[in-house]
Amino acid sequence: MKKKNKGFTMVELLAVITIMGILTALAVPAVVKHIAKSRNTSFDTMLKSTYEAAENYMMDNNILLHSGDPDYPILIKDLVDNQYLEALIDPVGNGGRCDTNSNSKVLVAYDSATAGGLVNYKFKVKIVCPSKTLEKTFPE
């Protein structure tokens, strides 16, 4: 009576492991690149939302700056507290907040190179997150 061997040979197992290794080597860099791009998009969205909230805050509170005025600081915490902005959660850190740091603020300066309404202002947004500090000037 012949005995049937069930299972895989060593060569078959090595072939499968090799193929899985090649697929993993190709997939991991693509996934890491996608995650980094998503984080950068989240940070850019956070900066843009903060800029728009600061604009709305200035309009609602009738804040006008003139040539020669010092930069006008708006704390991001105040924007969140007054519901101009939702809480800023760090997309990299584990739920860390970016809006509670006193260095997270928007500095608004009068720009004499432009004319008319809020176009006269340059908004320098600075957000301090646990994982990264972001800075951008609006309008671009």
Protein backbone atom coordinates (compact mmCIF):
# COMPACT_ATOMS: atom_id res chain seq x y z
CA MET A 1 0.00 0.00 0.00
CA LYS A 2 1.36 3.38 -1.04
CA LYS A 3 1.34 6.25 1.45
CA LYS A 4 0.34 9.65 0.04
CA ASN A 5 2.35 12.56 1.34
CA LYS A 6 0.29 15.65 1.97
CA GLY A 7 1.90 19.06 2.28
CA PHE A 8 4.34 21.28 0.49
CA THR A 9 7.90 20.64 -0.44
CA MET A 10 10.69 22.87 0.77
CA VAL A 11 11.16 24.28 -2.75
CA GLU A 12 7.49 25.28 -2.97
CA LEU A 13 7.64 27.00 0.43
CA LEU A 14 10.81 28.88 -0.52
CA ALA A 15 9.23 30.02 -3.79
CA VAL A 16 6.16 31.37 -1.98
CA ILE A 17 8.28 33.12 0.66
CA THR A 18 10.46 34.69 -2.05
CA ILE A 19 7.42 35.97 -3.97
CA MET A 20 5.91 37.42 -0.77
CA GLY A 21 9.21 39.13 0.03
CA ILE A 22 9.36 40.74 -3.42
CA LEU A 23 5.75 41.96 -3.16
CA THR A 24 6.41 43.39 0.30
CA ALA A 25 9.55 45.17 -0.91
CA LEU A 26 7.51 46.83 -3.65
CA ALA A 27 4.45 47.68 -1.54
CA VAL A 28 6.02 49.13 1.63
CA PRO A 29 7.71 52.18 0.00
CA ALA A 30 4.48 53.03 -1.85
CA VAL A 31 2.47 52.86 1.38
CA VAL A 32 5.02 54.97 3.29
CA LYS A 33 5.00 57.58 0.50
CA HIS A 34 1.19 57.70 0.56
CA ILE A 35 1.12 58.14 4.35
CA ALA A 36 3.63 61.01 4.17
CA LYS A 37 1.61 62.71 1.43
CA SER A 38 -1.57 62.36 3.51
CA ARG A 39 0.10 63.92 6.54
CA ASN A 40 1.39 66.86 4.50
CA THR A 41 -2.09 67.39 3.07
CA SER A 42 -3.50 67.38 6.60
CA PHE A 43 -0.96 69.99 7.71
CA ASP A 44 -1.70 72.19 4.67
CA THR A 45 -5.43 71.96 5.33
CA MET A 46 -4.84 72.90 8.97
CA LEU A 47 -2.89 76.02 7.94
CA LYS A 48 -5.50 77.09 5.37
CA SER A 49 -8.40 76.58 7.83
CA THR A 50 -6.59 78.64 10.46
CA TYR A 51 -6.01 81.46 7.97
CA GLU A 52 -9.69 81.51 7.00
CA ALA A 53 -10.74 81.46 10.66
CA ALA A 54 -8.46 84.44 11.39
CA GLU A 55 -9.97 86.34 8.46
CA ASN A 56 -13.49 85.69 9.75
CA TYR A 57 -12.46 86.64 13.29
CA MET A 58 -11.13 90.00 12.09
CA MET A 59 -14.26 90.73 10.04
CA ASP A 60 -16.66 89.76 12.84
CA ASN A 61 -14.79 91.84 15.41
CA ASN A 62 -14.24 94.86 13.13
CA ILE A 63 -10.49 94.75 13.53
CA LEU A 64 -8.81 97.18 11.16
CA LEU A 65 -5.10 97.73 10.88
CA HIS A 66 -3.42 100.74 9.36
CA SER A 67 0.00 101.42 7.95
CA GLY A 68 2.55 101.55 10.75
CA ASP A 69 0.47 99.46 13.18
CA PRO A 70 2.34 96.62 14.88
CA ASP A 71 1.48 93.03 13.96
CA TYR A 72 -1.85 92.00 15.46
CA PRO A 73 -1.64 88.60 17.21
CA ILE A 74 -4.58 86.19 17.26
CA LEU A 75 -4.10 83.10 19.41
CA ILE A 76 -5.31 79.95 17.73
CA LYS A 77 -6.70 78.87 21.10
CA ASP A 78 -9.01 81.92 20.95
CA LEU A 79 -10.17 80.94 17.46
CA VAL A 80 -11.05 77.47 18.74
CA ASP A 81 -12.69 78.78 21.91
CA ASN A 82 -14.84 81.23 19.91
CA GLN A 83 -15.77 78.44 17.45
CA TYR A 84 -14.11 79.95 14.40
CA LEU A 85 -12.01 76.82 14.14
CA GLU A 86 -12.33 73.20 15.19
CA ALA A 87 -9.73 71.70 17.52
CA LEU A 88 -6.46 71.11 15.68
CA ILE A 89 -5.38 67.51 16.21
CA ASP A 90 -1.84 66.54 15.26
CA PRO A 91 -2.08 64.05 12.35
CA VAL A 92 1.26 62.52 13.31
CA GLY A 93 1.09 62.45 17.11
CA ASN A 94 -1.32 60.25 18.98
CA GLY A 95 -4.14 62.73 19.38
CA GLY A 96 -1.91 65.61 20.47
CA ARG A 97 -3.44 69.07 20.18
CA CYS A 98 -1.88 71.83 18.08
CA ASP A 99 -4.12 74.67 19.26
CA THR A 100 -3.35 74.80 22.98
CA ASN A 101 0.27 75.93 22.72
CA SER A 102 0.59 79.69 23.36
CA ASN A 103 3.05 79.91 20.44
CA SER A 104 0.31 78.74 18.05
CA LYS A 105 -0.95 82.03 16.68
CA VAL A 106 -1.69 84.13 13.66
CA LEU A 107 0.20 87.40 13.24
CA VAL A 108 -1.65 89.83 11.04
CA ALA A 109 0.30 92.68 9.46
CA TYR A 110 -0.80 95.56 7.28
CA ASP A 111 0.61 95.23 3.76
CA SER A 112 0.95 98.61 2.05
CA ALA A 113 1.78 96.94 -1.29
CA THR A 114 -1.89 95.98 -1.79
CA ALA A 115 -5.11 97.92 -1.57
CA GLY A 116 -8.66 97.19 -0.55
CA GLY A 117 -10.26 95.36 2.38
CA LEU A 118 -8.61 92.27 3.81
CA VAL A 119 -6.26 92.19 0.83
CA ASN A 120 -4.24 94.76 2.78
CA TYR A 121 -3.27 92.14 5.34
CA LYS A 122 -0.66 89.44 5.47
CA PHE A 123 -1.52 86.56 7.79
CA LYS A 124 1.47 84.66 9.14
CA VAL A 125 0.09 81.44 10.57
CA LYS A 126 2.25 79.53 13.04
CA ILE A 127 0.97 76.24 14.46
CA VAL A 128 3.03 74.36 17.02
CA CYS A 129 2.13 70.66 17.08
CA PRO A 130 3.82 68.00 19.20
CA SER A 131 5.32 66.46 16.05
CA LYS A 132 6.06 69.52 13.92
CA THR A 133 5.95 73.34 13.79
CA LEU A 134 4.12 74.76 10.78
CA GLU A 135 4.45 78.27 9.35
CA LYS A 136 2.92 79.82 6.28
CA THR A 137 2.04 83.33 5.08
CA PHE A 138 -1.32 84.06 3.47
CA PRO A 139 -2.37 85.12 0.95
CA GLU A 140 0.17 83.28 -1.10
